[in-house]
Structure formats: structure tokens, C-alpha cells
Amino acid sequence: MTPRKVNTLFSSIASETEVSEEAVSDIMSFYWKAVRKELEEPTCINLRLEHFGTFEIRKKQVIYMIDKYKRIIKHMKPTTYNKHAILASTIEKLGRLEKILVQCEEQEQKKKQIREIQKNGKTV
């Protein structure tokens, strides 16, 4: 499979679907913007992309990011309005990551239970 340039991809999709190139460009930009946002600020541990697969957040990476945000919060002194906004944003991200860590641990426990059931020869 030979990679294509974005402009040729937009024009070929536009001609196949009989939609303007501008509309195709807007739709693709919107889609990938949403994917980027979910990758940057995940809300759950799995991200499923149609025709690409399901991507799972690693528990080790979540723990690393939680520690990083805790260090940032510890050393941040919100003396200005902008710094206070950054602090609030960082605290919000930390909260989301802690929820994701709980989800990771729950999924890990489920996988262990399934392995034990399979190991003992019982059916699920």
C-alpha cells in the first residue's frame, strides 16, 4: 500500500462520494480532531477506531502521568489568574487520570478472574 498525500486523498474521496473537496476536508479534520482530543484527554481506558482497532491505555503510563501531575501541582503557586487557570486544568486532568486508573485496576482484576477460571478448566 503506497501512502497518499492528503490533497490527493481528499480529491479521490470527494470524487468517489460525489461531495465537494471542502466538505471532505472538513469532515476529516473534525474526525481526527476528535480522535486527537480523546488521545490527549482520555475519558476511558479503551479507544476504538473504526477500521484501525481498539487501543488500550497502559496502567504504567497512567501511573506515570498521575505522578507527573501531582509533582506539577505541588510546585505550582497560583499567583496570577493564568496560573490559577492552569492549576485548575491540571487538577481536572489528574482527577480524570485517577478515574482511569480505577478502571485499569478493575479491568486487570476481571482479566485475572478469567485466567483463573480458564486455568481451572471451567467455562465462562
Protein backbone atom coordinates (compact mmCIF):
# COMPACT_ATOMS: atom_id res chain seq x y z
CA MET A 1 0.00 0.00 0.00
CA THR A 2 1.52 3.28 -1.12
CA PRO A 3 0.90 6.26 1.18
CA ARG A 4 -1.01 9.12 -0.38
CA LYS A 5 -0.72 12.83 0.17
CA VAL A 6 -3.67 14.41 1.95
CA ASN A 7 -4.70 16.56 -1.02
CA THR A 8 -4.92 13.61 -3.38
CA LEU A 9 -6.77 11.62 -0.74
CA PHE A 10 -9.37 14.37 -0.31
CA SER A 11 -9.90 14.72 -4.05
CA SER A 12 -10.27 10.96 -4.59
CA ILE A 13 -12.76 10.63 -1.71
CA ALA A 14 -14.67 13.66 -2.99
CA SER A 15 -14.96 12.18 -6.48
CA GLU A 16 -15.99 8.73 -5.17
CA THR A 17 -18.69 10.11 -2.87
CA GLU A 18 -19.74 13.00 -5.11
CA VAL A 19 -19.17 15.51 -2.31
CA SER A 20 -17.11 18.69 -2.50
CA GLU A 21 -13.45 18.51 -1.55
CA GLU A 22 -14.01 21.20 1.07
CA ALA A 23 -16.71 19.11 2.77
CA VAL A 24 -14.45 16.04 2.77
CA SER A 25 -11.63 18.12 4.24
CA ASP A 26 -13.91 19.49 6.98
CA ILE A 27 -15.24 16.04 7.88
CA MET A 28 -11.77 14.51 8.04
CA SER A 29 -10.44 17.42 10.11
CA PHE A 30 -13.35 17.11 12.53
CA TYR A 31 -12.87 13.34 12.87
CA TRP A 32 -9.13 13.47 13.51
CA LYS A 33 -9.53 16.43 15.86
CA ALA A 34 -11.93 14.33 17.96
CA VAL A 35 -9.50 11.38 17.90
CA ARG A 36 -6.60 13.64 18.97
CA LYS A 37 -8.69 15.08 21.81
CA GLU A 38 -9.59 11.62 23.08
CA LEU A 39 -5.94 10.54 22.90
CA GLU A 40 -4.75 13.66 24.74
CA GLU A 41 -7.50 13.66 27.37
CA PRO A 42 -8.90 10.14 27.63
CA THR A 43 -12.18 9.50 29.41
CA CYS A 44 -11.96 5.70 29.47
CA ILE A 45 -9.29 3.04 29.06
CA ASN A 46 -10.26 1.92 25.55
CA LEU A 47 -10.37 3.91 22.35
CA ARG A 48 -11.99 2.14 19.41
CA LEU A 49 -11.31 3.49 15.94
CA GLU A 50 -13.33 2.01 13.10
CA HIS A 51 -11.05 0.05 10.70
CA PHE A 52 -7.99 0.72 12.90
CA GLY A 53 -8.71 -1.32 16.01
CA THR A 54 -9.09 -0.83 19.73
CA PHE A 55 -6.36 0.91 21.67
CA GLU A 56 -5.95 0.43 25.40
CA ILE A 57 -4.26 2.80 27.82
CA ARG A 58 -1.42 1.21 29.77
CA LYS A 59 -1.70 1.28 33.55
CA LYS A 60 2.02 2.04 33.87
CA GLN A 61 1.62 5.17 31.73
CA VAL A 62 -1.41 6.32 33.74
CA ILE A 63 0.56 5.97 36.99
CA TYR A 64 3.45 7.93 35.47
CA MET A 65 1.14 10.76 34.37
CA ILE A 66 -0.59 10.88 37.78
CA ASP A 67 2.81 11.25 39.48
CA LYS A 68 3.79 13.92 36.97
CA TYR A 69 0.64 15.97 37.55
CA LYS A 70 0.99 15.62 41.34
CA ARG A 71 4.54 17.00 41.13
CA ILE A 72 3.35 19.88 38.94
CA ILE A 73 0.53 20.72 41.38
CA LYS A 74 2.87 20.50 44.37
CA HIS A 75 5.33 23.04 42.91
CA MET A 76 2.79 25.39 41.33
CA LYS A 77 1.99 28.61 43.12
CA PRO A 78 -1.05 30.29 41.52
CA THR A 79 -0.12 33.96 41.97
CA THR A 80 -1.84 35.15 38.78
CA TYR A 81 -5.17 34.38 37.17
CA ASN A 82 -3.50 32.50 34.31
CA LYS A 83 -1.54 30.29 36.70
CA HIS A 84 -4.71 29.61 38.66
CA ALA A 85 -6.46 28.51 35.44
CA ILE A 86 -3.53 26.22 34.61
CA LEU A 87 -3.66 24.77 38.14
CA ALA A 88 -7.40 24.12 37.85
CA SER A 89 -6.90 22.44 34.47
CA THR A 90 -4.11 20.26 35.86
CA ILE A 91 -6.24 19.23 38.84
CA GLU A 92 -9.08 18.31 36.44
CA LYS A 93 -6.71 16.19 34.33
CA LEU A 94 -5.42 14.50 37.48
CA GLY A 95 -8.98 13.62 38.50
CA ARG A 96 -9.69 12.09 35.09
CA LEU A 97 -6.49 10.05 35.24
CA GLU A 98 -7.31 8.76 38.71
CA LYS A 99 -10.71 7.55 37.42
CA ILE A 100 -8.94 5.85 34.51
CA LEU A 101 -6.52 4.18 36.95
CA VAL A 102 -9.50 2.73 38.84
CA GLN A 103 -10.89 1.43 35.52
CA CYS A 104 -7.49 -0.11 34.69
CA GLU A 105 -7.38 -1.88 38.04
CA GLU A 106 -10.94 -3.17 37.64
CA GLN A 107 -10.16 -4.50 34.18
CA GLU A 108 -6.96 -6.09 35.48
CA GLN A 109 -8.98 -7.91 38.18
CA LYS A 110 -11.51 -9.13 35.60
CA LYS A 111 -8.71 -10.48 33.42
CA LYS A 112 -7.19 -12.29 36.42
CA GLN A 113 -10.55 -13.87 37.23
CA ILE A 114 -10.98 -15.02 33.64
CA ARG A 115 -7.46 -16.51 33.62
CA GLU A 116 -8.15 -18.35 36.87
CA ILE A 117 -11.41 -19.73 35.52
CA GLN A 118 -9.68 -20.88 32.34
CA LYS A 119 -6.77 -22.31 34.31
CA ASN A 120 -9.12 -24.36 36.45
CA GLY A 121 -10.84 -25.71 33.35
CA LYS A 122 -14.19 -24.10 33.97
CA THR A 123 -16.07 -22.39 31.18
CA VAL A 124 -17.02 -18.75 31.33
